[in-house]
Amino acid sequence: MTTNAEIQTALPALASGNVAVITGAASGIGLAAAKRLAAMGMKIVLADIGGARLDEARHAVAAIAGESAVLAVATDVSKADELDRLAERTFGAFGDVSLLMNNAGVGNNPGKPWENREAWKQLLDINFWGVIHGVEAFAPRMLAAGKPGLIVNTGSKQGITTPPGNLAYNVSKAGVKTYTEGLAHALRNEPGANVAAHLLIPGFTFTGLTEGATEKPAGAWTGEQVIDFMLASVLRGDFYILCPDNEATRSMDEKRMAWAIGDIIENRPALSRWHPDYKEAFAAFMK
């Protein structure tokens, strides 16, 4: 594991005393990030829907960082005004922000493309628009501060290979991928280029979104493993933080993604990986 000293020497945005804002911070990857960054001496702002989980997360992180270094703010990321309020609370309490993790997300399945419009909109409002709302609320002030900063948006492999099963989720995470790529380019071309964006692409991870699981499945990574990998990747300068897990290696992910883009290049049917006419061809490709 990369040490805190190595990370903070190479990444001044994560220096002790700096401020990290994390959405979806009450569980899973968000809470793992909050605890790790607190252990590095950062001040932590936890944003999540209000309730007992957020209170418990605040107590857990405060036990590491100290009560004065932790702020918990009940936040619905689907509402831009609540992200604006989160920013006001954060800058009022701690000053400049050096790390923003737009991590909040839901995994409910609204169903077929022509069903449940409101459920589709709700998922997209959280998973996709929640990221945009976070960037809008924090990026201008991060840029104006003129200090090193990082924005990490949580995507998904499902936003790249788009497997059948939960189309709305795939659409939302595909949007996050494209948006974060454009965000990175825009930030890179800002005068001074002191703020960088990264796309976190977790593998199979045991979080609050892990359906039907009350304990970590053998194939899943923990949130802590994802954060360790994320920090090591950012240290290398990676934009795409493509996490393996205990079932999928990077090589497997690369082949699956190559096959997905090959549908366009080879003019195959959409999602040919799951098309009966291409079952054998895909199996051979993966060998």
C-alpha atoms as a PDB file:
ATOM      1  CA  MET A   1       0.000   0.000   0.000  1.00  0.00           C
ATOM      2  CA  THR A   2       1.243   3.487  -0.866  1.00  0.00           C
ATOM      3  CA  THR A   3       2.118   5.342   2.317  1.00  0.00           C
ATOM      4  CA  ASN A   4       0.468   8.585   3.369  1.00  0.00           C
ATOM      5  CA  ALA A   5       3.831  10.362   3.271  1.00  0.00           C
ATOM      6  CA  GLU A   6       4.437   9.283  -0.341  1.00  0.00           C
ATOM      7  CA  ILE A   7       0.977  10.422  -1.379  1.00  0.00           C
ATOM      8  CA  GLN A   8       1.124  13.786   0.360  1.00  0.00           C
ATOM      9  CA  THR A   9       4.622  14.582  -0.903  1.00  0.00           C
ATOM     10  CA  ALA A  10       3.599  13.968  -4.508  1.00  0.00           C
ATOM     11  CA  LEU A  11       0.026  15.292  -4.228  1.00  0.00           C
ATOM     12  CA  PRO A  12      -0.063  18.580  -2.314  1.00  0.00           C
ATOM     13  CA  ALA A  13      -3.840  18.686  -2.726  1.00  0.00           C
ATOM     14  CA  LEU A  14      -3.998  15.893  -0.143  1.00  0.00           C
ATOM     15  CA  ALA A  15      -1.701  17.565   2.380  1.00  0.00           C
ATOM     16  CA  SER A  16      -2.557  17.428   6.072  1.00  0.00           C
ATOM     17  CA  GLY A  17      -4.903  20.257   7.011  1.00  0.00           C
ATOM     18  CA  ASN A  18      -6.473  20.492   3.562  1.00  0.00           C
ATOM     19  CA  VAL A  19     -10.189  19.975   3.016  1.00  0.00           C
ATOM     20  CA  ALA A  20     -11.912  17.017   1.321  1.00  0.00           C
ATOM     21  CA  VAL A  21     -15.613  17.009   0.407  1.00  0.00           C
ATOM     22  CA  ILE A  22     -17.167  13.607  -0.239  1.00  0.00           C
ATOM     23  CA  THR A  23     -20.723  12.927  -1.382  1.00  0.00           C
ATOM     24  CA  GLY A  24     -22.256   9.542  -0.706  1.00  0.00           C
ATOM     25  CA  ALA A  25     -19.986   9.547   2.345  1.00  0.00           C
ATOM     26  CA  ALA A  26     -22.146   7.619   4.810  1.00  0.00           C
ATOM     27  CA  SER A  27     -21.178   4.160   3.540  1.00  0.00           C
ATOM     28  CA  GLY A  28     -19.143   2.147   1.085  1.00  0.00           C
ATOM     29  CA  ILE A  29     -16.454   3.807  -1.006  1.00  0.00           C
ATOM     30  CA  GLY A  30     -17.312   7.274   0.284  1.00  0.00           C
ATOM     31  CA  LEU A  31     -16.926   6.342   3.930  1.00  0.00           C
ATOM     32  CA  ALA A  32     -13.721   4.421   3.194  1.00  0.00           C
ATOM     33  CA  ALA A  33     -12.329   7.531   1.509  1.00  0.00           C
ATOM     34  CA  ALA A  34     -13.340   9.735   4.433  1.00  0.00           C
ATOM     35  CA  LYS A  35     -11.592   7.506   6.961  1.00  0.00           C
ATOM     36  CA  ARG A  36      -8.393   7.180   4.899  1.00  0.00           C
ATOM     37  CA  LEU A  37      -8.179  10.910   4.220  1.00  0.00           C
ATOM     38  CA  ALA A  38      -8.926  11.690   7.876  1.00  0.00           C
ATOM     39  CA  ALA A  39      -6.001   9.461   8.831  1.00  0.00           C
ATOM     40  CA  MET A  40      -3.880  11.617   6.518  1.00  0.00           C
ATOM     41  CA  GLY A  41      -4.798  14.677   8.573  1.00  0.00           C
ATOM     42  CA  MET A  42      -7.309  16.190   6.174  1.00  0.00           C
ATOM     43  CA  LYS A  43     -10.465  17.979   7.261  1.00  0.00           C
ATOM     44  CA  ILE A  44     -13.476  16.020   6.059  1.00  0.00           C
ATOM     45  CA  VAL A  45     -16.914  17.123   4.891  1.00  0.00           C
ATOM     46  CA  LEU A  46     -19.370  14.240   4.724  1.00  0.00           C
ATOM     47  CA  ALA A  47     -22.383  14.727   2.473  1.00  0.00           C
ATOM     48  CA  ASP A  48     -25.168  12.180   2.224  1.00  0.00           C
ATOM     49  CA  ILE A  49     -28.878  11.955   2.785  1.00  0.00           C
ATOM     50  CA  GLY A  50     -29.593  12.723   6.421  1.00  0.00           C
ATOM     51  CA  GLY A  51     -30.306  10.171   9.103  1.00  0.00           C
ATOM     52  CA  ALA A  52     -28.642   7.650  11.336  1.00  0.00           C
ATOM     53  CA  ARG A  53     -26.099   6.451   8.755  1.00  0.00           C
ATOM     54  CA  LEU A  54     -24.710   9.937   8.266  1.00  0.00           C
ATOM     55  CA  ASP A  55     -24.555  10.481  12.031  1.00  0.00           C
ATOM     56  CA  GLU A  56     -22.729   7.185  12.485  1.00  0.00           C
ATOM     57  CA  ALA A  57     -20.298   8.070   9.704  1.00  0.00           C
ATOM     58  CA  ARG A  58     -19.546  11.425  11.316  1.00  0.00           C
ATOM     59  CA  HIS A  59     -18.783   9.761  14.647  1.00  0.00           C
ATOM     60  CA  ALA A  60     -16.529   7.183  12.955  1.00  0.00           C
ATOM     61  CA  VAL A  61     -14.549   9.803  11.047  1.00  0.00           C
ATOM     62  CA  ALA A  62     -14.383  12.164  14.025  1.00  0.00           C
ATOM     63  CA  ALA A  63     -12.817   9.348  16.044  1.00  0.00           C
ATOM     64  CA  ILE A  64      -9.926   9.524  13.568  1.00  0.00           C
ATOM     65  CA  ALA A  65      -9.703  13.217  12.718  1.00  0.00           C
ATOM     66  CA  GLY A  66     -11.182  14.844  15.812  1.00  0.00           C
ATOM     67  CA  GLU A  67     -14.571  16.517  16.184  1.00  0.00           C
ATOM     68  CA  SER A  68     -13.370  19.911  14.958  1.00  0.00           C
ATOM     69  CA  ALA A  69     -12.060  18.467  11.693  1.00  0.00           C
ATOM     70  CA  VAL A  70     -15.322  16.855  10.538  1.00  0.00           C
ATOM     71  CA  LEU A  71     -18.499  18.384   9.168  1.00  0.00           C
ATOM     72  CA  ALA A  72     -21.539  16.312   8.179  1.00  0.00           C
ATOM     73  CA  VAL A  73     -24.175  17.932   5.976  1.00  0.00           C
ATOM     74  CA  ALA A  74     -27.410  16.231   4.951  1.00  0.00           C
ATOM     75  CA  THR A  75     -27.457  16.675   1.174  1.00  0.00           C
ATOM     76  CA  ASP A  76     -29.633  15.511  -1.701  1.00  0.00           C
ATOM     77  CA  VAL A  77     -27.233  15.729  -4.652  1.00  0.00           C
ATOM     78  CA  SER A  78     -30.108  15.685  -7.139  1.00  0.00           C
ATOM     79  CA  LYS A  79     -30.896  19.256  -6.056  1.00  0.00           C
ATOM     80  CA  ALA A  80     -28.459  21.928  -7.184  1.00  0.00           C
ATOM     81  CA  ASP A  81     -29.411  24.290  -4.379  1.00  0.00           C
ATOM     82  CA  GLU A  82     -28.427  21.683  -1.789  1.00  0.00           C
ATOM     83  CA  LEU A  83     -24.956  21.374  -3.338  1.00  0.00           C
ATOM     84  CA  ASP A  84     -24.698  25.176  -3.270  1.00  0.00           C
ATOM     85  CA  ARG A  85     -25.628  25.063   0.401  1.00  0.00           C
ATOM     86  CA  LEU A  86     -23.070  22.340   1.008  1.00  0.00           C
ATOM     87  CA  ALA A  87     -20.414  24.545  -0.572  1.00  0.00           C
ATOM     88  CA  GLU A  88     -21.395  27.526   1.575  1.00  0.00           C
ATOM     89  CA  ARG A  89     -21.266  25.396   4.732  1.00  0.00           C
ATOM     90  CA  THR A  90     -17.914  23.930   3.738  1.00  0.00           C
ATOM     91  CA  PHE A  91     -16.151  27.164   2.829  1.00  0.00           C
ATOM     92  CA  GLY A  92     -17.637  28.858   5.882  1.00  0.00           C
ATOM     93  CA  ALA A  93     -16.375  26.177   8.239  1.00  0.00           C
ATOM     94  CA  PHE A  94     -13.039  25.174   6.699  1.00  0.00           C
ATOM     95  CA  GLY A  95     -12.121  27.509   3.837  1.00  0.00           C
ATOM     96  CA  ASP A  96     -10.714  26.342   0.510  1.00  0.00           C
ATOM     97  CA  VAL A  97     -11.451  22.824  -0.760  1.00  0.00           C
ATOM     98  CA  SER A  98      -8.642  20.785  -2.317  1.00  0.00           C
ATOM     99  CA  LEU A  99     -10.457  17.488  -3.001  1.00  0.00           C
ATOM    100  CA  LEU A 100     -13.997  16.951  -4.225  1.00  0.00           C
ATOM    101  CA  MET A 101     -15.274  13.387  -4.559  1.00  0.00           C
ATOM    102  CA  ASN A 102     -18.603  13.229  -6.369  1.00  0.00           C
ATOM    103  CA  ASN A 103     -19.386   9.709  -5.236  1.00  0.00           C
ATOM    104  CA  ALA A 104     -23.105   9.643  -4.392  1.00  0.00           C
ATOM    105  CA  GLY A 105     -25.132   7.166  -6.399  1.00  0.00           C
ATOM    106  CA  VAL A 106     -28.050   4.750  -6.375  1.00  0.00           C
ATOM    107  CA  GLY A 107     -28.483   1.427  -8.130  1.00  0.00           C
ATOM    108  CA  ASN A 108     -32.233   0.888  -8.208  1.00  0.00           C
ATOM    109  CA  ASN A 109     -33.519  -0.474 -11.526  1.00  0.00           C
ATOM    110  CA  PRO A 110     -36.374   1.532 -13.090  1.00  0.00           C
ATOM    111  CA  GLY A 111     -36.921  -1.164 -15.719  1.00  0.00           C
ATOM    112  CA  LYS A 112     -37.321  -1.104 -19.489  1.00  0.00           C
ATOM    113  CA  PRO A 113     -36.488   1.939 -21.663  1.00  0.00           C
ATOM    114  CA  TRP A 114     -40.151   2.816 -22.033  1.00  0.00           C
ATOM    115  CA  GLU A 115     -41.201   2.327 -18.397  1.00  0.00           C
ATOM    116  CA  ASN A 116     -41.238   4.326 -15.173  1.00  0.00           C
ATOM    117  CA  ARG A 117     -40.204   7.762 -16.383  1.00  0.00           C
ATOM    118  CA  GLU A 118     -40.079   9.266 -12.907  1.00  0.00           C
ATOM    119  CA  ALA A 119     -37.849   6.480 -11.587  1.00  0.00           C
ATOM    120  CA  TRP A 120     -35.521   6.983 -14.556  1.00  0.00           C
ATOM    121  CA  LYS A 121     -35.383  10.696 -13.885  1.00  0.00           C
ATOM    122  CA  GLN A 122     -34.718  10.164 -10.186  1.00  0.00           C
ATOM    123  CA  LEU A 123     -31.786   7.840 -10.867  1.00  0.00           C
ATOM    124  CA  LEU A 124     -30.296  10.175 -13.470  1.00  0.00           C
ATOM    125  CA  ASP A 125     -30.808  13.178 -11.200  1.00  0.00           C
ATOM    126  CA  ILE A 126     -28.695  11.512  -8.513  1.00  0.00           C
ATOM    127  CA  ASN A 127     -26.079   9.560 -10.473  1.00  0.00           C
ATOM    128  CA  PHE A 128     -25.480  12.001 -13.333  1.00  0.00           C
ATOM    129  CA  TRP A 129     -26.803  15.415 -12.388  1.00  0.00           C
ATOM    130  CA  GLY A 130     -25.472  14.990  -8.848  1.00  0.00           C
ATOM    131  CA  VAL A 131     -21.964  14.992 -10.300  1.00  0.00           C
ATOM    132  CA  ILE A 132     -22.635  18.104 -12.366  1.00  0.00           C
ATOM    133  CA  HIS A 133     -24.194  19.871  -9.388  1.00  0.00           C
ATOM    134  CA  GLY A 134     -21.098  19.082  -7.328  1.00  0.00           C
ATOM    135  CA  VAL A 135     -18.730  20.424  -9.964  1.00  0.00           C
ATOM    136  CA  GLU A 136     -20.810  23.558 -10.449  1.00  0.00           C
ATOM    137  CA  ALA A 137     -20.858  24.254  -6.715  1.00  0.00           C
ATOM    138  CA  PHE A 138     -17.161  23.676  -6.005  1.00  0.00           C
ATOM    139  CA  ALA A 139     -14.998  23.891  -9.143  1.00  0.00           C
ATOM    140  CA  PRO A 140     -15.167  27.688  -9.647  1.00  0.00           C
ATOM    141  CA  ARG A 141     -13.992  28.346  -6.096  1.00  0.00           C
ATOM    142  CA  MET A 142     -11.344  25.646  -6.314  1.00  0.00           C
ATOM    143  CA  LEU A 143      -9.999  27.290  -9.462  1.00  0.00           C
ATOM    144  CA  ALA A 144     -10.191  30.774  -7.975  1.00  0.00           C
ATOM    145  CA  ALA A 145      -8.152  29.645  -4.964  1.00  0.00           C
ATOM    146  CA  GLY A 146      -5.209  28.978  -7.264  1.00  0.00           C
ATOM    147  CA  LYS A 147      -4.145  25.968  -5.200  1.00  0.00           C
ATOM    148  CA  PRO A 148      -3.608  22.330  -6.258  1.00  0.00           C
ATOM    149  CA  GLY A 149      -6.924  20.504  -6.327  1.00  0.00           C
ATOM    150  CA  LEU A 150      -8.487  17.222  -7.375  1.00  0.00           C
ATOM    151  CA  ILE A 151     -11.999  16.310  -8.496  1.00  0.00           C
ATOM    152  CA  VAL A 152     -12.772  12.571  -8.520  1.00  0.00           C
ATOM    153  CA  ASN A 153     -16.070  11.437 -10.026  1.00  0.00           C
ATOM    154  CA  THR A 154     -17.270   7.879  -9.444  1.00  0.00           C
ATOM    155  CA  GLY A 155     -18.227   6.103 -12.635  1.00  0.00           C
ATOM    156  CA  SER A 156     -18.692   2.391 -13.312  1.00  0.00           C
ATOM    157  CA  LYS A 157     -17.559  -0.297 -15.701  1.00  0.00           C
ATOM    158  CA  GLN A 158     -21.259  -0.570 -16.544  1.00  0.00           C
ATOM    159  CA  GLY A 159     -20.999   2.879 -18.075  1.00  0.00           C
ATOM    160  CA  ILE A 160     -18.370   1.550 -20.493  1.00  0.00           C
ATOM    161  CA  THR A 161     -19.412  -1.998 -21.408  1.00  0.00           C
ATOM    162  CA  THR A 162     -23.140  -1.303 -20.715  1.00  0.00           C
ATOM    163  CA  PRO A 163     -24.264  -4.855 -19.887  1.00  0.00           C
ATOM    164  CA  PRO A 164     -27.984  -5.698 -19.982  1.00  0.00           C
ATOM    165  CA  GLY A 165     -29.728  -5.586 -16.629  1.00  0.00           C
ATOM    166  CA  ASN A 166     -30.036  -1.962 -15.520  1.00  0.00           C
ATOM    167  CA  LEU A 167     -30.109   0.361 -18.501  1.00  0.00           C
ATOM    168  CA  ALA A 168     -30.825   3.506 -16.493  1.00  0.00           C
ATOM    169  CA  TYR A 169     -27.763   2.930 -14.313  1.00  0.00           C
ATOM    170  CA  ASN A 170     -25.623   2.281 -17.396  1.00  0.00           C
ATOM    171  CA  VAL A 171     -26.848   5.487 -19.010  1.00  0.00           C
ATOM    172  CA  SER A 172     -26.106   7.516 -15.887  1.00  0.00           C
ATOM    173  CA  LYS A 173     -22.571   6.158 -15.544  1.00  0.00           C
ATOM    174  CA  ALA A 174     -21.851   6.493 -19.270  1.00  0.00           C
ATOM    175  CA  GLY A 175     -22.804  10.137 -18.818  1.00  0.00           C
ATOM    176  CA  VAL A 176     -20.442  10.488 -15.868  1.00  0.00           C
ATOM    177  CA  LYS A 177     -17.597   9.033 -17.959  1.00  0.00           C
ATOM    178  CA  THR A 178     -18.150  11.416 -20.851  1.00  0.00           C
ATOM    179  CA  TYR A 179     -18.695  14.402 -18.585  1.00  0.00           C
ATOM    180  CA  THR A 180     -15.546  13.706 -16.562  1.00  0.00           C
ATOM    181  CA  GLU A 181     -13.448  13.309 -19.708  1.00  0.00           C
ATOM    182  CA  GLY A 182     -14.642  16.719 -20.869  1.00  0.00           C
ATOM    183  CA  LEU A 183     -14.168  18.172 -17.395  1.00  0.00           C
ATOM    184  CA  ALA A 184     -10.557  16.986 -17.305  1.00  0.00           C
ATOM    185  CA  HIS A 185      -9.892  18.629 -20.663  1.00  0.00           C
ATOM    186  CA  ALA A 186     -11.530  21.885 -19.608  1.00  0.00           C
ATOM    187  CA  LEU A 187      -9.617  22.026 -16.331  1.00  0.00           C
ATOM    188  CA  ARG A 188      -6.344  21.215 -18.085  1.00  0.00           C
ATOM    189  CA  ASN A 189      -6.835  24.275 -20.258  1.00  0.00           C
ATOM    190  CA  GLU A 190      -7.628  26.670 -17.429  1.00  0.00           C
ATOM    191  CA  PRO A 191      -4.890  29.232 -16.657  1.00  0.00           C
ATOM    192  CA  GLY A 192      -2.487  27.659 -14.172  1.00  0.00           C
ATOM    193  CA  ALA A 193      -4.111  24.192 -14.520  1.00  0.00           C
ATOM    194  CA  ASN A 194      -4.035  23.620 -10.749  1.00  0.00           C
ATOM    195  CA  VAL A 195      -7.172  21.457 -10.549  1.00  0.00           C
ATOM    196  CA  ALA A 196      -7.309  18.024 -12.179  1.00  0.00           C
ATOM    197  CA  ALA A 197     -10.199  15.614 -12.696  1.00  0.00           C
ATOM    198  CA  HIS A 198     -10.120  11.814 -12.486  1.00  0.00           C
ATOM    199  CA  LEU A 199     -12.676   9.090 -13.219  1.00  0.00           C
ATOM    200  CA  LEU A 200     -12.927   6.397 -10.550  1.00  0.00           C
ATOM    201  CA  ILE A 201     -14.115   3.129 -12.124  1.00  0.00           C
ATOM    202  CA  PRO A 202     -14.698   0.585  -9.340  1.00  0.00           C
ATOM    203  CA  GLY A 203     -14.984  -3.095 -10.019  1.00  0.00           C
ATOM    204  CA  PHE A 204     -17.246  -5.404  -8.036  1.00  0.00           C
ATOM    205  CA  THR A 205     -17.266  -3.642  -4.676  1.00  0.00           C
ATOM    206  CA  PHE A 206     -19.163  -4.429  -1.502  1.00  0.00           C
ATOM    207  CA  THR A 207     -21.088  -1.223  -0.767  1.00  0.00           C
ATOM    208  CA  GLY A 208     -24.583  -0.136   0.088  1.00  0.00           C
ATOM    209  CA  LEU A 209     -25.462  -0.767  -3.573  1.00  0.00           C
ATOM    210  CA  THR A 210     -24.483  -4.460  -3.460  1.00  0.00           C
ATOM    211  CA  GLU A 211     -27.854  -6.054  -4.055  1.00  0.00           C
ATOM    212  CA  GLY A 212     -28.904  -8.918  -1.809  1.00  0.00           C
ATOM    213  CA  ALA A 213     -25.577  -9.061   0.052  1.00  0.00           C
ATOM    214  CA  THR A 214     -25.400  -8.742   3.825  1.00  0.00           C
ATOM    215  CA  GLU A 215     -21.697  -9.627   3.916  1.00  0.00           C
ATOM    216  CA  LYS A 216     -18.902  -9.151   1.414  1.00  0.00           C
ATOM    217  CA  PRO A 217     -19.049 -11.640  -1.463  1.00  0.00           C
ATOM    218  CA  ALA A 218     -15.769 -13.443  -2.130  1.00  0.00           C
ATOM    219  CA  GLY A 219     -15.430 -11.824  -5.544  1.00  0.00           C
ATOM    220  CA  ALA A 220     -15.850  -8.267  -4.285  1.00  0.00           C
ATOM    221  CA  TRP A 221     -13.331  -5.718  -3.133  1.00  0.00           C
ATOM    222  CA  THR A 222     -13.935  -3.631  -0.038  1.00  0.00           C
ATOM    223  CA  GLY A 223     -14.303   0.128  -0.193  1.00  0.00           C
ATOM    224  CA  GLU A 224     -10.911   0.387   1.496  1.00  0.00           C
ATOM    225  CA  GLN A 225      -9.245  -1.560  -1.319  1.00  0.00           C
ATOM    226  CA  VAL A 226     -10.830   0.748  -3.883  1.00  0.00           C
ATOM    227  CA  ILE A 227      -9.510   3.836  -2.092  1.00  0.00           C
ATOM    228  CA  ASP A 228      -6.017   2.385  -1.754  1.00  0.00           C
ATOM    229  CA  PHE A 229      -6.037   1.676  -5.486  1.00  0.00           C
ATOM    230  CA  MET A 230      -7.461   5.128  -6.240  1.00  0.00           C
ATOM    231  CA  LEU A 231      -4.716   6.926  -4.327  1.00  0.00           C
ATOM    232  CA  ALA A 232      -1.980   4.873  -5.965  1.00  0.00           C
ATOM    233  CA  SER A 233      -3.507   5.562  -9.391  1.00  0.00           C
ATOM    234  CA  VAL A 234      -3.783   9.316  -8.851  1.00  0.00           C
ATOM    235  CA  LEU A 235      -0.190   9.273  -7.628  1.00  0.00           C
ATOM    236  CA  ARG A 236       0.785   7.818 -11.021  1.00  0.00           C
ATOM    237  CA  GLY A 237      -1.220  10.492 -12.795  1.00  0.00           C
ATOM    238  CA  ASP A 238      -3.882   8.095 -14.114  1.00  0.00           C
ATOM    239  CA  PHE A 239      -7.096   9.712 -15.327  1.00  0.00           C
ATOM    240  CA  TYR A 240      -8.953   6.395 -15.680  1.00  0.00           C
ATOM    241  CA  ILE A 241      -8.781   4.684 -12.282  1.00  0.00           C
ATOM    242  CA  LEU A 242      -9.798   1.231 -13.510  1.00  0.00           C
ATOM    243  CA  CYS A 243     -10.080  -1.025 -10.476  1.00  0.00           C
ATOM    244  CA  PRO A 244      -9.857  -4.803 -10.691  1.00  0.00           C
ATOM    245  CA  ASP A 245     -11.570  -7.004  -8.127  1.00  0.00           C
ATOM    246  CA  ASN A 246     -11.319 -10.593  -6.942  1.00  0.00           C
ATOM    247  CA  GLU A 247     -13.111 -11.861 -10.052  1.00  0.00           C
ATOM    248  CA  ALA A 248     -12.004  -9.549 -12.876  1.00  0.00           C
ATOM    249  CA  THR A 249      -8.393  -8.742 -13.703  1.00  0.00           C
ATOM    250  CA  ARG A 250      -7.390  -5.635 -15.616  1.00  0.00           C
ATOM    251  CA  SER A 251      -6.692  -7.820 -18.652  1.00  0.00           C
ATOM    252  CA  MET A 252     -10.259  -9.142 -18.568  1.00  0.00           C
ATOM    253  CA  ASP A 253     -11.653  -5.624 -18.272  1.00  0.00           C
ATOM    254  CA  GLU A 254      -9.534  -4.404 -21.160  1.00  0.00           C
ATOM    255  CA  LYS A 255     -10.750  -7.195 -23.412  1.00  0.00           C
ATOM    256  CA  ARG A 256     -14.392  -6.616 -22.494  1.00  0.00           C
ATOM    257  CA  MET A 257     -14.030  -2.907 -23.215  1.00  0.00           C
ATOM    258  CA  ALA A 258     -12.213  -3.574 -26.474  1.00  0.00           C
ATOM    259  CA  TRP A 259     -15.019  -5.893 -27.569  1.00  0.00           C
ATOM    260  CA  ALA A 260     -17.608  -3.235 -26.686  1.00  0.00           C
ATOM    261  CA  ILE A 261     -15.973  -0.561 -28.861  1.00  0.00           C
ATOM    262  CA  GLY A 262     -15.460  -3.239 -31.519  1.00  0.00           C
ATOM    263  CA  ASP A 263     -19.212  -3.408 -31.992  1.00  0.00           C
ATOM    264  CA  ILE A 264     -18.960  -0.024 -33.728  1.00  0.00           C
ATOM    265  CA  ILE A 265     -15.731  -0.725 -35.597  1.00  0.00           C
ATOM    266  CA  GLU A 266     -16.846  -4.177 -36.789  1.00  0.00           C
ATOM    267  CA  ASN A 267     -20.463  -3.094 -37.356  1.00  0.00           C
ATOM    268  CA  ARG A 268     -21.798  -5.825 -35.086  1.00  0.00           C
ATOM    269  CA  PRO A 269     -25.236  -5.708 -33.422  1.00  0.00           C
ATOM    270  CA  ALA A 270     -25.490  -3.553 -30.315  1.00  0.00           C
ATOM    271  CA  LEU A 271     -24.333  -5.388 -27.192  1.00  0.00           C
ATOM    272  CA  SER A 272     -23.116  -8.262 -29.338  1.00  0.00           C
ATOM    273  CA  ARG A 273     -21.321  -9.742 -26.335  1.00  0.00           C
ATOM    274  CA  TRP A 274     -24.761 -10.923 -25.200  1.00  0.00           C
ATOM    275  CA  HIS A 275     -26.071 -11.735 -28.714  1.00  0.00           C
ATOM    276  CA  PRO A 276     -26.458 -15.474 -29.358  1.00  0.00           C
ATOM    277  CA  ASP A 277     -24.811 -15.181 -32.801  1.00  0.00           C
ATOM    278  CA  TYR A 278     -21.599 -13.846 -31.196  1.00  0.00           C
ATOM    279  CA  LYS A 279     -21.406 -16.016 -28.086  1.00  0.00           C
ATOM    280  CA  GLU A 280     -18.654 -18.267 -29.421  1.00  0.00           C
ATOM    281  CA  ALA A 281     -16.709 -15.402 -30.987  1.00  0.00           C
ATOM    282  CA  PHE A 282     -16.682 -13.487 -27.710  1.00  0.00           C
ATOM    283  CA  ALA A 283     -15.611 -16.548 -25.731  1.00  0.00           C
ATOM    284  CA  ALA A 284     -12.711 -17.078 -28.154  1.00  0.00           C
ATOM    285  CA  PHE A 285     -11.766 -13.376 -27.922  1.00  0.00           C
ATOM    286  CA  MET A 286     -11.537 -13.598 -24.151  1.00  0.00           C
ATOM    287  CA  LYS A 287      -9.158 -16.570 -24.152  1.00  0.00           C
END
